[in-house]
């Protein structure tokens, strides 16, 4: 094989293309698959075992090889290549080629002379642009085929939109073709991202109209200028002097990857697109980034002269300056793009939760394991929470999650026995000690992999003391979840761990904490209500514990005792005490 840039294709025994790859040097790259099989990854070894034939194509540069590879992957859809998961058709904004053009949303790009802008990853954003344009310019949206002949013959009548001022009456020639198309060209400029220039243009027209004392026209220009400033102020990210700029980010997630692309013009985001990838072999991030860039280049044409990336791709491109920012505006842009990619990852997880709950739950547990730094998968998690009001009726709760789902039959309540007053730290130690002392005695093989304490360093330290006393420090992982900033506190680590707020791992911890709080509060309220009922009777002279029990058993509640005739109460406690009870409970 030649020592030249190119693309190679592997075929199986049936003649089907199973892999397409690019190379800066075809000879060296292809040889890597066959010279030393022991160095191959397991997935690549399987690929090589199925290769029966190969073909190659020579190109002029590595960048050309990247683009050809992208096209061939789409043509053949090889089994072992990166798969573009997000194959849905994104919407475009179309400016039709007509005498009076229409501006509308479409998912089909037809080569009929119309102009297309996009694609837009958010339909909502595309519709908001159309609504913005219709507020600035009275555009037609009818399907009439308007021509000079139809206007001359009077074939159409103005519709309701004309009478309410939403259309200028194109069908009856109430607006000239030049004036209407001037509006269309301004919309095209806005779609291309020239909002700043349009604001300056309207400001000059407003001042010119004011000098001519045409204040009505000047007010119309001012309203358009204000609308543009309000709209574009939402999307200004960087200094407008930077010029055109492209931003790429990637989030790797096992066998999946999620990418975001943003294009800026004159300081404003004019295009943004999310794409998902399914990884078939052990592709490196730089290789995946190159594939992502090739896909965007096919969709949008040439890249901007300056491209912001989290790391360098494995293919450089002529005329493109790849930048890895360390601070400033460019870093803020890269972080914004990364947040968009993470949002796509979260949405994919939500979808997988509905389609394959077991796979989703396992992915969440793996994410939590990696975030905390555990060795085992946290399939069994227990969370503790204390509840009391000014030290009264102190209780604690323990909720149990198995495989990231509540196991309510394993929930437990605890009434604090050895602690006097509102001492959350000592109460936490007592509850943890009681819980796992009993578990060691009854079910030592069912210990949780992870214990979550609702609280900060203080509660965690006392809970860990109980774990040490029981000798479980090497068998379980114990962390605290502080509510104020949602930070995870770990034993021996002076600095709290902040898990991404959008991650499913943090959401699982929050769900555990909230469930423990709910379960504990429910029990605490029940105890408090019972103690309030008891105190109302106990405060009456002559009513002891046994008398209180007989009364509640007979009448059900304090309200039932109040409603009962004094004669019925006398049957249980005698006339004198019955009269005193009725008098005290009024």
Protein backbone atom coordinates (compact mmCIF):
# COMPACT_ATOMS: atom_id res chain seq x y z
CA UNK A 1 0.00 0.00 0.00
CA UNK A 2 1.26 3.55 -0.71
CA UNK A 3 2.68 5.92 1.90
CA UNK A 4 -0.04 8.49 1.08
CA UNK A 5 -3.09 10.03 2.75
CA UNK A 6 -6.27 8.15 1.98
CA UNK A 7 -9.24 6.06 3.09
CA UNK A 8 -9.32 2.28 3.50
CA UNK A 9 -12.36 -0.03 3.54
CA UNK A 10 -12.51 -3.48 5.15
CA UNK A 11 -14.88 -6.16 3.79
CA UNK A 12 -16.10 -9.38 5.39
CA UNK A 13 -16.41 -12.75 3.61
CA UNK A 14 -19.80 -11.80 2.16
CA UNK A 15 -18.40 -8.64 0.55
CA UNK A 16 -20.03 -6.22 3.00
CA UNK A 17 -18.12 -3.14 4.13
CA UNK A 18 -17.61 -3.53 7.88
CA UNK A 19 -15.21 -0.64 8.56
CA UNK A 20 -14.04 2.58 6.90
CA UNK A 21 -10.96 4.39 8.17
CA UNK A 22 -8.79 7.37 7.29
CA UNK A 23 -5.03 7.59 7.36
CA UNK A 24 -2.24 10.12 6.97
CA UNK A 25 -0.10 7.22 5.74
CA UNK A 26 -2.14 4.29 4.41
CA UNK A 27 0.77 1.83 4.53
CA UNK A 28 1.60 2.45 8.21
CA UNK A 29 -2.00 2.74 9.39
CA UNK A 30 -3.30 -0.48 7.80
CA UNK A 31 -0.21 -2.41 8.92
CA UNK A 32 -1.03 -1.60 12.57
CA UNK A 33 -4.04 -3.94 12.34
CA UNK A 34 -2.03 -6.99 11.22
CA UNK A 35 1.61 -6.73 12.33
CA UNK A 36 1.13 -7.32 16.08
CA UNK A 37 -2.39 -8.59 16.95
CA UNK A 38 -1.51 -8.75 20.69
CA UNK A 39 -1.52 -4.95 20.82
CA UNK A 40 -5.10 -4.68 19.56
CA UNK A 41 -7.99 -3.88 21.89
CA UNK A 42 -10.61 -6.66 22.26
CA UNK A 43 -13.17 -4.97 19.99
CA UNK A 44 -10.58 -4.20 17.32
CA UNK A 45 -9.35 -7.81 17.46
CA UNK A 46 -12.89 -8.99 16.67
CA UNK A 47 -13.01 -6.59 13.71
CA UNK A 48 -9.68 -7.88 12.36
CA UNK A 49 -10.80 -11.50 12.66
CA UNK A 50 -13.67 -10.76 10.27
CA UNK A 51 -11.68 -8.92 7.57
CA UNK A 52 -11.62 -10.89 4.28
CA UNK A 53 -10.62 -8.12 1.86
CA UNK A 54 -9.75 -4.43 1.73
CA UNK A 55 -9.74 -1.54 -0.73
CA UNK A 56 -8.32 1.95 -0.45
CA UNK A 57 -8.57 5.38 -2.06
CA UNK A 58 -5.71 7.89 -2.19
CA UNK A 59 -6.44 11.61 -1.60
CA UNK A 60 -4.34 14.78 -1.50
CA UNK A 61 -4.43 15.53 2.23
CA UNK A 62 -5.44 14.16 5.60
CA UNK A 63 -8.32 16.67 5.74
CA UNK A 64 -9.64 15.31 2.44
CA UNK A 65 -9.37 11.80 3.87
CA UNK A 66 -11.49 12.86 6.85
CA UNK A 67 -14.26 14.23 4.64
CA UNK A 68 -14.21 11.19 2.32
CA UNK A 69 -14.33 8.87 5.33
CA UNK A 70 -17.40 10.72 6.64
CA UNK A 71 -19.19 10.36 3.29
CA UNK A 72 -18.35 6.66 2.93
CA UNK A 73 -19.54 5.90 6.47
CA UNK A 74 -22.91 7.45 5.60
CA UNK A 75 -23.02 5.52 2.34
CA UNK A 76 -22.11 2.06 3.66
CA UNK A 77 -23.11 2.35 7.35
CA UNK A 78 -20.35 -0.08 8.44
CA UNK A 79 -20.95 -2.15 11.54
CA UNK A 80 -17.77 -1.11 13.37
CA UNK A 81 -17.73 2.62 12.66
CA UNK A 82 -18.92 5.45 14.86
CA UNK A 83 -22.68 5.69 14.45
CA UNK A 84 -24.37 9.07 14.35
CA UNK A 85 -27.25 8.39 16.75
CA UNK A 86 -29.15 11.63 16.27
CA UNK A 87 -30.46 11.01 12.77
CA UNK A 88 -33.60 13.12 13.07
CA UNK A 89 -34.16 15.86 10.51
CA UNK A 90 -33.53 19.28 12.00
CA UNK A 91 -35.67 22.26 10.95
CA UNK A 92 -34.46 24.98 8.61
CA UNK A 93 -35.80 28.48 8.00
CA UNK A 94 -36.57 28.85 4.30
CA UNK A 95 -36.80 32.11 2.33
CA UNK A 96 -38.69 31.04 -0.77
CA UNK A 97 -37.83 32.16 -4.29
CA UNK A 98 -41.00 34.00 -5.33
CA UNK A 99 -42.13 37.45 -6.41
CA UNK A 100 -43.16 38.04 -2.78
CA UNK A 101 -41.04 35.50 -0.83
CA UNK A 102 -42.37 33.67 2.23
CA UNK A 103 -40.31 32.93 5.35
CA UNK A 104 -41.27 29.63 6.97
CA UNK A 105 -40.01 26.55 8.81
CA UNK A 106 -39.27 23.31 6.94
CA UNK A 107 -37.47 20.00 7.46
CA UNK A 108 -36.86 19.45 3.74
CA UNK A 109 -34.12 21.23 1.82
CA UNK A 110 -35.08 21.43 -1.85
CA UNK A 111 -32.80 22.83 -4.55
CA UNK A 112 -35.38 25.20 -6.07
CA UNK A 113 -33.49 28.47 -5.70
CA UNK A 114 -34.84 29.16 -2.20
CA UNK A 115 -32.44 30.13 0.56
CA UNK A 116 -32.15 27.94 3.69
CA UNK A 117 -30.75 28.88 7.08
CA UNK A 118 -30.01 26.45 9.90
CA UNK A 119 -30.37 23.73 10.86
CA UNK A 120 -31.79 24.58 14.29
CA UNK A 121 -31.53 21.97 17.04
CA UNK A 122 -34.43 23.65 18.87
CA UNK A 123 -37.74 23.99 17.02
CA UNK A 124 -38.85 26.40 19.73
CA UNK A 125 -35.92 28.69 18.94
CA UNK A 126 -36.69 28.56 15.21
CA UNK A 127 -40.33 29.49 15.82
CA UNK A 128 -39.29 32.32 18.14
CA UNK A 129 -37.18 33.74 15.29
CA UNK A 130 -40.13 33.58 12.90
CA UNK A 131 -42.32 35.30 15.48
CA UNK A 132 -39.65 37.95 15.93
CA UNK A 133 -39.48 38.57 12.18
CA UNK A 134 -43.26 38.80 11.83
CA UNK A 135 -43.28 41.41 14.59
CA UNK A 136 -40.68 43.49 12.75
CA UNK A 137 -42.00 43.05 9.21
CA UNK A 138 -45.54 42.41 7.87
CA UNK A 139 -44.81 39.22 5.91
CA UNK A 140 -47.27 37.11 3.99
CA UNK A 141 -47.73 33.46 4.94
CA UNK A 142 -50.45 32.44 2.46
CA UNK A 143 -49.95 29.78 -0.23
CA UNK A 144 -51.20 31.96 -3.11
CA UNK A 145 -49.11 31.94 -6.28
CA UNK A 146 -48.81 35.70 -6.73
CA UNK A 147 -47.63 37.14 -10.05
CA UNK A 148 -47.90 40.43 -11.90
CA UNK A 149 -50.67 38.93 -14.02
CA UNK A 150 -52.71 37.81 -10.99
CA UNK A 151 -52.44 41.29 -9.47
CA UNK A 152 -53.43 43.01 -12.73
CA UNK A 153 -56.46 40.72 -13.17
CA UNK A 154 -57.52 41.13 -9.54
CA UNK A 155 -57.70 37.35 -8.97
CA UNK A 156 -57.33 37.59 -5.17
CA UNK A 157 -58.91 39.52 -2.33
CA UNK A 158 -57.10 40.73 0.79
CA UNK A 159 -57.43 38.34 3.74
CA UNK A 160 -58.04 39.10 7.41
CA UNK A 161 -54.32 39.56 8.09
CA UNK A 162 -54.32 42.53 5.72
CA UNK A 163 -57.22 44.17 7.55
CA UNK A 164 -55.58 43.77 10.98
CA UNK A 165 -52.23 45.09 9.75
CA UNK A 166 -50.28 41.81 9.76
CA UNK A 167 -49.79 41.80 5.96
CA UNK A 168 -49.33 44.64 3.47
CA UNK A 169 -51.57 43.10 0.81
CA UNK A 170 -49.06 41.48 -1.52
CA UNK A 171 -51.86 39.64 -3.36
CA UNK A 172 -53.47 42.92 -4.50
CA UNK A 173 -50.25 44.89 -5.04
CA UNK A 174 -50.61 47.20 -2.02
CA UNK A 175 -46.84 46.98 -1.40
CA UNK A 176 -44.23 47.22 -4.11
CA UNK A 177 -41.99 44.26 -4.90
CA UNK A 178 -38.91 46.36 -4.11
CA UNK A 179 -40.14 47.48 -0.68
CA UNK A 180 -41.21 43.94 0.26
CA UNK A 181 -37.93 42.40 -0.91
CA UNK A 182 -35.97 45.05 0.99
CA UNK A 183 -37.63 43.67 4.12
CA UNK A 184 -36.75 40.13 3.05
CA UNK A 185 -33.10 41.08 2.57
CA UNK A 186 -33.03 42.58 6.06
CA UNK A 187 -34.38 39.27 7.43
CA UNK A 188 -31.68 37.40 5.51
CA UNK A 189 -29.04 39.63 7.06
CA UNK A 190 -30.47 38.94 10.51
CA UNK A 191 -30.42 35.18 9.85
CA UNK A 192 -26.76 35.50 8.84
CA UNK A 193 -26.05 37.21 12.18
CA UNK A 194 -25.66 40.81 11.02
CA UNK A 195 -27.85 42.13 13.85
CA UNK A 196 -25.30 44.71 14.99
CA UNK A 197 -25.06 46.26 11.55
CA UNK A 198 -28.86 46.36 11.30
CA UNK A 199 -29.12 48.21 14.63
CA UNK A 200 -26.63 50.83 13.40
CA UNK A 201 -28.53 51.05 10.10
CA UNK A 202 -31.86 51.73 11.84
CA UNK A 203 -30.25 54.26 14.18
CA UNK A 204 -28.95 56.22 11.19
CA UNK A 205 -32.36 56.08 9.48
CA UNK A 206 -34.08 57.21 12.70
CA UNK A 207 -31.79 60.21 13.06
CA UNK A 208 -32.25 61.10 9.39
CA UNK A 209 -36.05 60.93 9.69
CA UNK A 210 -35.97 63.05 12.86
CA UNK A 211 -33.93 65.76 11.11
CA UNK A 212 -36.62 65.84 8.42
CA UNK A 213 -39.25 66.18 11.19
CA UNK A 214 -40.80 62.89 10.07
CA UNK A 215 -41.29 61.74 13.64
CA UNK A 216 -43.77 58.98 12.82
CA UNK A 217 -41.23 57.26 10.57
CA UNK A 218 -38.47 57.90 13.11
CA UNK A 219 -40.59 56.16 15.79
CA UNK A 220 -41.00 53.09 13.56
CA UNK A 221 -37.22 52.88 13.10
CA UNK A 222 -36.71 53.30 16.86
CA UNK A 223 -39.12 50.43 17.62
CA UNK A 224 -37.27 48.13 15.20
CA UNK A 225 -33.93 49.15 16.69
CA UNK A 226 -35.18 48.48 20.23
CA UNK A 227 -36.57 45.08 19.20
CA UNK A 228 -33.26 44.09 17.64
CA UNK A 229 -31.25 45.25 20.67
CA UNK A 230 -33.52 43.32 23.03
CA UNK A 231 -33.34 40.17 20.90
CA UNK A 232 -29.59 40.15 20.31
CA UNK A 233 -28.67 41.16 23.84
CA UNK A 234 -29.75 37.64 24.88
CA UNK A 235 -27.21 35.93 22.64
CA UNK A 236 -24.14 38.17 22.91
CA UNK A 237 -21.38 36.11 24.47
CA UNK A 238 -18.06 37.60 23.43
CA UNK A 239 -16.57 40.80 22.16
CA UNK A 240 -17.89 41.58 18.67
CA UNK A 241 -14.36 42.37 17.45
CA UNK A 242 -13.46 38.65 17.42
CA UNK A 243 -15.22 37.99 14.11
CA UNK A 244 -16.55 34.59 13.11
CA UNK A 245 -15.97 31.74 15.53
CA UNK A 246 -16.88 28.02 15.81
CA UNK A 247 -17.02 26.11 19.11
CA UNK A 248 -16.98 22.32 19.58
CA UNK A 249 -17.36 20.33 22.79
CA UNK A 250 -17.64 16.61 23.57
CA UNK A 251 -18.90 14.55 26.49
CA UNK A 252 -17.78 10.91 26.52
CA UNK A 253 -20.07 8.44 28.28
CA UNK A 254 -18.92 4.84 27.91
CA UNK A 255 -19.99 3.61 24.49
CA UNK A 256 -21.83 6.88 23.79
CA UNK A 257 -20.66 10.41 23.14
CA UNK A 258 -22.51 13.72 22.89
CA UNK A 259 -21.29 16.79 21.06
CA UNK A 260 -22.34 20.41 20.75
CA UNK A 261 -21.45 22.82 17.95
CA UNK A 262 -21.99 26.60 18.09
CA UNK A 263 -21.25 29.18 15.42
CA UNK A 264 -20.87 32.85 16.31
CA UNK A 265 -20.97 35.85 14.03
CA UNK A 266 -20.43 39.39 15.27
CA UNK A 267 -20.64 38.24 18.88
CA UNK A 268 -23.97 36.42 18.52
CA UNK A 269 -24.77 32.71 18.35
CA UNK A 270 -26.35 32.13 14.96
CA UNK A 271 -26.22 28.31 14.88
CA UNK A 272 -26.20 25.63 17.53
CA UNK A 273 -26.48 21.89 17.05
CA UNK A 274 -26.28 18.82 19.29
CA UNK A 275 -25.24 15.42 17.92
CA UNK A 276 -24.98 12.00 19.55
CA UNK A 277 -22.53 9.24 18.60
CA UNK A 278 -22.44 5.51 19.32
CA UNK A 279 -18.87 4.25 19.63
CA UNK A 280 -18.25 0.83 18.07
CA UNK A 281 -14.51 0.43 18.72
CA UNK A 282 -12.28 2.03 21.37
CA UNK A 283 -12.17 5.38 19.54
CA UNK A 284 -9.98 8.06 21.07
CA UNK A 285 -11.49 11.49 21.89
CA UNK A 286 -9.29 13.24 19.30
CA UNK A 287 -10.49 10.82 16.61
CA UNK A 288 -14.13 11.35 17.60
CA UNK A 289 -13.70 15.13 17.59
CA UNK A 290 -12.38 14.94 14.01
CA UNK A 291 -15.44 12.91 12.97
CA UNK A 292 -17.70 15.47 14.65
CA UNK A 293 -15.95 18.34 12.84
CA UNK A 294 -16.29 16.50 9.50
CA UNK A 295 -20.02 16.04 10.07
CA UNK A 296 -20.49 19.75 10.86
CA UNK A 297 -18.40 20.74 7.85
CA UNK A 298 -20.66 18.65 5.62
CA UNK A 299 -23.78 20.28 7.08
CA UNK A 300 -22.57 23.90 7.16
CA UNK A 301 -19.73 24.09 4.64
CA UNK A 302 -16.41 25.68 5.55
CA UNK A 303 -15.39 26.15 9.16
CA UNK A 304 -14.72 29.59 10.65
CA UNK A 305 -11.06 30.70 10.65
CA UNK A 306 -10.97 30.34 14.46
CA UNK A 307 -12.28 27.14 16.10
CA UNK A 308 -12.48 26.66 19.88
CA UNK A 309 -12.06 23.03 21.04
CA UNK A 310 -11.49 21.27 24.40
CA UNK A 311 -8.51 19.39 22.89
CA UNK A 312 -6.92 19.10 19.47
CA UNK A 313 -8.50 16.78 16.87
CA UNK A 314 -6.33 14.14 15.25
CA UNK A 315 -6.65 15.88 11.86
CA UNK A 316 -5.51 19.47 11.28
CA UNK A 317 -7.16 21.55 8.57
CA UNK A 318 -5.60 24.21 6.38
CA UNK A 319 -6.76 27.74 7.16
CA UNK A 320 -8.25 26.78 10.54
CA UNK A 321 -6.72 27.94 13.83
CA UNK A 322 -7.71 25.49 16.60
CA UNK A 323 -7.73 27.16 20.02
CA UNK A 324 -7.81 25.50 23.47
CA UNK A 325 -8.75 28.36 25.84
CA UNK A 326 -7.49 28.58 29.41
CA UNK A 327 -9.35 31.71 30.50
CA UNK A 328 -11.51 34.60 29.36
CA UNK A 329 -14.37 34.83 26.86
CA UNK A 330 -13.33 31.79 24.84
CA UNK A 331 -13.29 29.58 27.93
CA UNK A 332 -16.78 30.84 28.86
CA UNK A 333 -17.95 29.92 25.37
CA UNK A 334 -16.45 26.45 25.60
CA UNK A 335 -18.13 25.90 28.97
CA UNK A 336 -21.48 27.00 27.52
CA UNK A 337 -21.07 24.52 24.67
CA UNK A 338 -20.10 21.80 27.15
CA UNK A 339 -23.27 22.48 29.17
CA UNK A 340 -25.33 21.99 26.02
CA UNK A 341 -23.60 18.65 25.34
CA UNK A 342 -24.21 17.56 28.95
CA UNK A 343 -27.87 18.51 28.61
CA UNK A 344 -28.13 16.21 25.61
CA UNK A 345 -26.51 13.47 27.67
CA UNK A 346 -29.06 13.99 30.46
CA UNK A 347 -31.95 13.87 27.98
CA UNK A 348 -30.58 10.64 26.51
CA UNK A 349 -30.46 9.16 30.01
CA UNK A 350 -34.06 10.17 30.60
CA UNK A 351 -35.12 8.50 27.38
CA UNK A 352 -33.21 5.33 28.25
CA UNK A 353 -34.92 5.33 31.66
CA UNK A 354 -38.24 4.84 29.89
CA UNK A 355 -37.02 2.43 27.22
CA UNK A 356 -34.64 0.31 29.32
CA UNK A 357 -34.99 1.03 33.07
CA UNK A 358 -32.41 -1.58 34.13
CA UNK A 359 -29.71 -0.17 31.86
CA UNK A 360 -30.56 3.36 33.00
CA UNK A 361 -30.36 2.48 36.69
CA UNK A 362 -27.04 0.71 36.21
CA UNK A 363 -25.63 3.74 34.38
CA UNK A 364 -26.75 6.00 37.25
CA UNK A 365 -25.11 3.72 39.84
CA UNK A 366 -21.89 3.64 37.79
CA UNK A 367 -21.94 7.43 37.59
CA UNK A 368 -22.39 7.69 41.38
CA UNK A 369 -19.63 5.13 42.01
CA UNK A 370 -17.18 7.06 39.83
CA UNK A 371 -18.17 10.44 41.28
CA UNK A 372 -17.61 9.36 44.91
CA UNK A 373 -14.60 7.17 44.13
CA UNK A 374 -16.04 3.84 45.30
CA UNK A 375 -14.73 0.44 44.28
CA UNK A 376 -18.06 -1.39 44.37
CA UNK A 377 -21.24 -0.55 42.53
CA UNK A 378 -23.69 1.04 45.05
CA UNK A 379 -26.57 -1.35 44.44
CA UNK A 380 -27.67 -1.14 48.08
CA UNK A 381 -27.76 2.39 49.55
CA UNK A 382 -29.13 3.52 52.92
CA UNK A 383 -29.76 7.11 53.99
CA UNK A 384 -30.32 8.47 57.55
CA UNK A 385 -32.11 11.63 58.68
CA UNK A 386 -32.96 13.07 62.14
CA UNK A 387 -36.19 14.93 63.01
CA UNK A 388 -37.10 16.90 66.15
CA UNK A 389 -38.63 20.22 67.16
CA UNK A 390 -36.72 21.94 69.99
CA UNK A 391 -35.65 18.55 71.24
CA UNK A 392 -39.16 17.10 71.56
CA UNK A 393 -40.06 13.69 70.17
CA UNK A 394 -36.65 13.08 68.52
CA UNK A 395 -36.85 10.42 65.84
CA UNK A 396 -34.70 9.23 62.94
CA UNK A 397 -35.42 7.51 59.69
CA UNK A 398 -33.53 5.10 57.46
CA UNK A 399 -34.58 4.65 53.83
CA UNK A 400 -33.19 1.94 51.58
CA UNK A 401 -32.63 2.02 47.82
CA UNK A 402 -31.81 -1.13 45.86
CA UNK A 403 -30.66 -0.81 42.25
CA UNK A 404 -31.39 2.96 42.39
CA UNK A 405 -35.05 2.42 43.35
CA UNK A 406 -36.76 2.68 46.79
CA UNK A 407 -37.18 -0.57 48.69
CA UNK A 408 -39.95 0.58 51.04
CA UNK A 409 -40.32 -2.72 52.87
CA UNK A 410 -36.78 -2.13 54.22
CA UNK A 411 -37.49 1.40 55.55
CA UNK A 412 -37.06 1.81 59.32
CA UNK A 413 -38.08 4.36 61.98
CA UNK A 414 -36.07 4.95 65.15
CA UNK A 415 -37.17 6.61 68.38
CA UNK A 416 -34.12 8.16 70.03
CA UNK A 417 -33.55 6.46 73.41
CA UNK A 418 -30.16 7.41 74.87
CA UNK A 419 -29.91 11.10 73.87
CA UNK A 420 -31.57 13.91 75.84
CA UNK A 421 -32.55 17.11 74.03
CA UNK A 422 -31.78 18.30 70.50
CA UNK A 423 -28.41 16.67 69.84
CA UNK A 424 -28.36 15.67 66.15
CA UNK A 425 -24.78 14.42 66.31
CA UNK A 426 -25.26 11.98 69.19
CA UNK A 427 -28.67 10.93 67.82
CA UNK A 428 -27.07 10.06 64.46
CA UNK A 429 -24.42 7.94 66.17
CA UNK A 430 -27.05 6.07 68.20
CA UNK A 431 -29.22 5.30 65.16
CA UNK A 432 -26.34 4.12 62.96
CA UNK A 433 -25.03 1.93 65.78
CA UNK A 434 -28.46 0.37 66.39
CA UNK A 435 -29.12 -0.19 62.70
CA UNK A 436 -25.91 -2.04 61.87
CA UNK A 437 -25.52 -3.85 65.19
CA UNK A 438 -28.80 -5.55 64.45
CA UNK A 439 -27.93 -6.11 60.81
CA UNK A 440 -24.62 -7.76 61.74
CA UNK A 441 -26.53 -10.06 64.05
CA UNK A 442 -29.39 -10.91 61.70
CA UNK A 443 -28.18 -10.37 58.09
CA UNK A 444 -24.42 -9.74 57.92
CA UNK A 445 -24.33 -10.41 54.16
CA UNK A 446 -26.89 -7.66 53.40
CA UNK A 447 -24.80 -4.65 54.39
CA UNK A 448 -25.13 -1.63 52.05
CA UNK A 449 -22.26 -0.59 49.81
CA UNK A 450 -23.03 3.10 50.49
CA UNK A 451 -24.39 4.93 53.56
CA UNK A 452 -25.57 8.53 53.08
CA UNK A 453 -25.91 10.85 56.09
CA UNK A 454 -28.19 13.87 55.73
CA UNK A 455 -25.89 16.58 57.08
CA UNK A 456 -22.40 17.96 57.02
CA UNK A 457 -19.10 17.11 58.68
CA UNK A 458 -20.50 16.92 62.23
CA UNK A 459 -23.22 14.36 61.54
CA UNK A 460 -20.87 12.38 59.29
CA UNK A 461 -18.12 12.25 61.94
CA UNK A 462 -20.46 10.87 64.62
CA UNK A 463 -21.98 8.35 62.21
CA UNK A 464 -18.49 7.18 61.25
CA UNK A 465 -17.61 6.72 64.93
CA UNK A 466 -20.40 4.15 65.11
CA UNK A 467 -19.08 2.46 61.95
CA UNK A 468 -15.59 2.29 63.49
CA UNK A 469 -16.92 0.82 66.74
CA UNK A 470 -18.66 -1.92 64.73
CA UNK A 471 -15.55 -2.57 62.61
CA UNK A 472 -17.32 -1.84 59.31
CA UNK A 473 -14.98 0.87 58.00
CA UNK A 474 -13.54 -1.45 55.32
CA UNK A 475 -16.90 -2.89 54.26
CA UNK A 476 -19.00 0.21 53.62
CA UNK A 477 -18.54 3.73 52.22
CA UNK A 478 -20.03 6.57 54.29
CA UNK A 479 -20.64 10.10 52.94
CA UNK A 480 -22.60 13.14 54.05
CA UNK A 481 -24.83 15.29 51.86
CA UNK A 482 -24.92 18.92 53.04
CA UNK A 483 -28.14 20.63 52.04
CA UNK A 484 -26.96 24.24 51.59
CA UNK A 485 -24.73 23.77 48.55
CA UNK A 486 -25.50 20.09 47.85
CA UNK A 487 -21.88 19.17 48.50
CA UNK A 488 -20.78 15.63 49.29
CA UNK A 489 -18.63 15.33 52.42
CA UNK A 490 -16.21 12.41 52.68
CA UNK A 491 -14.25 10.99 55.61
CA UNK A 492 -10.63 12.19 55.62
CA UNK A 493 -11.17 14.73 52.83
CA UNK A 494 -11.02 18.36 54.06
CA UNK A 495 -12.61 19.61 50.86
CA UNK A 496 -16.23 18.88 49.91
CA UNK A 497 -17.01 17.19 46.61
CA UNK A 498 -19.30 19.08 44.24
CA UNK A 499 -21.04 16.74 41.79
CA UNK A 500 -22.41 18.25 38.59
CA UNK A 501 -25.92 19.57 39.35
CA UNK A 502 -27.23 18.09 36.10
CA UNK A 503 -25.82 14.62 36.77
CA UNK A 504 -28.06 11.69 37.58
CA UNK A 505 -25.64 10.73 40.39
CA UNK A 506 -26.42 13.89 42.37
CA UNK A 507 -30.11 13.54 41.60
CA UNK A 508 -30.06 10.03 43.07
CA UNK A 509 -28.43 11.34 46.27
CA UNK A 510 -30.97 14.18 46.47
CA UNK A 511 -33.81 11.71 45.98
CA UNK A 512 -32.45 9.55 48.81
CA UNK A 513 -32.11 12.55 51.14
CA UNK A 514 -35.60 13.87 50.33
CA UNK A 515 -37.17 10.44 50.81
CA UNK A 516 -35.45 10.03 54.21
CA UNK A 517 -36.65 13.49 55.22
CA UNK A 518 -40.22 12.78 54.12
CA UNK A 519 -40.30 9.40 55.88
CA UNK A 520 -38.84 10.86 59.08
CA UNK A 521 -41.14 13.88 59.18
CA UNK A 522 -44.22 11.67 58.74
CA UNK A 523 -43.23 9.55 61.74
CA UNK A 524 -42.29 12.62 63.79
CA UNK A 525 -45.66 14.29 63.17
CA UNK A 526 -47.47 11.11 64.23
CA UNK A 527 -45.50 10.93 67.48
CA UNK A 528 -45.97 14.63 68.15
CA UNK A 529 -49.73 14.38 67.61
CA UNK A 530 -49.93 11.38 69.93
CA UNK A 531 -47.92 13.17 72.62
CA UNK A 532 -50.13 16.25 72.34
CA UNK A 533 -53.23 14.09 72.78
CA UNK A 534 -51.66 12.37 75.75
CA UNK A 535 -50.59 15.61 77.41
CA UNK A 536 -54.09 17.10 77.13
CA UNK A 537 -55.46 14.22 79.23
CA UNK A 538 -52.44 13.76 81.49
CA UNK A 539 -52.59 17.37 82.63
CA UNK A 540 -55.94 16.64 84.29
CA UNK A 541 -55.53 15.81 87.98
CA UNK A 542 -56.43 12.17 88.63
CA UNK A 543 -55.79 10.93 85.03
CA UNK A 544 -52.90 8.49 84.81
CA UNK A 545 -51.56 6.31 82.02
CA UNK A 546 -54.07 3.50 82.49
CA UNK A 547 -57.03 5.88 82.74
CA UNK A 548 -55.86 7.66 79.59
CA UNK A 549 -55.61 4.35 77.74
CA UNK A 550 -59.14 3.27 78.80
CA UNK A 551 -60.62 6.60 77.69
CA UNK A 552 -58.87 6.62 74.28
CA UNK A 553 -59.74 2.98 73.69
CA UNK A 554 -63.42 3.67 74.40
CA UNK A 555 -63.86 7.05 72.68
CA UNK A 556 -61.04 6.98 70.09
CA UNK A 557 -59.71 10.52 70.59
CA UNK A 558 -59.83 13.62 72.78
CA UNK A 559 -62.52 15.00 70.48
CA UNK A 560 -64.55 11.84 71.07
CA UNK A 561 -64.23 12.30 74.83
CA UNK A 562 -65.37 15.94 74.58
CA UNK A 563 -68.44 14.88 72.56
CA UNK A 564 -69.38 11.98 74.87
CA UNK A 565 -72.04 12.42 77.62
CA UNK A 566 -70.63 12.70 81.16
CA UNK A 567 -72.63 9.60 82.15
CA UNK A 568 -70.66 7.41 79.70
CA UNK A 569 -67.36 8.77 80.97
CA UNK A 570 -68.53 8.12 84.56
CA UNK A 571 -68.87 4.43 83.74
CA UNK A 572 -65.08 4.29 83.26
CA UNK A 573 -63.66 6.78 85.79
CA UNK A 574 -66.41 7.68 88.24
CA UNK A 575 -68.69 10.77 88.46
CA UNK A 576 -66.23 13.19 90.09
CA UNK A 577 -63.34 12.57 87.68
CA UNK A 578 -65.73 12.48 84.71
CA UNK A 579 -67.04 15.93 85.61
CA UNK A 580 -63.45 17.24 86.02
CA UNK A 581 -62.44 15.81 82.58
CA UNK A 582 -65.44 17.39 80.85
CA UNK A 583 -64.70 20.71 82.52
CA UNK A 584 -60.95 20.69 81.68
CA UNK A 585 -61.45 19.70 78.02
CA UNK A 586 -64.04 22.39 77.18
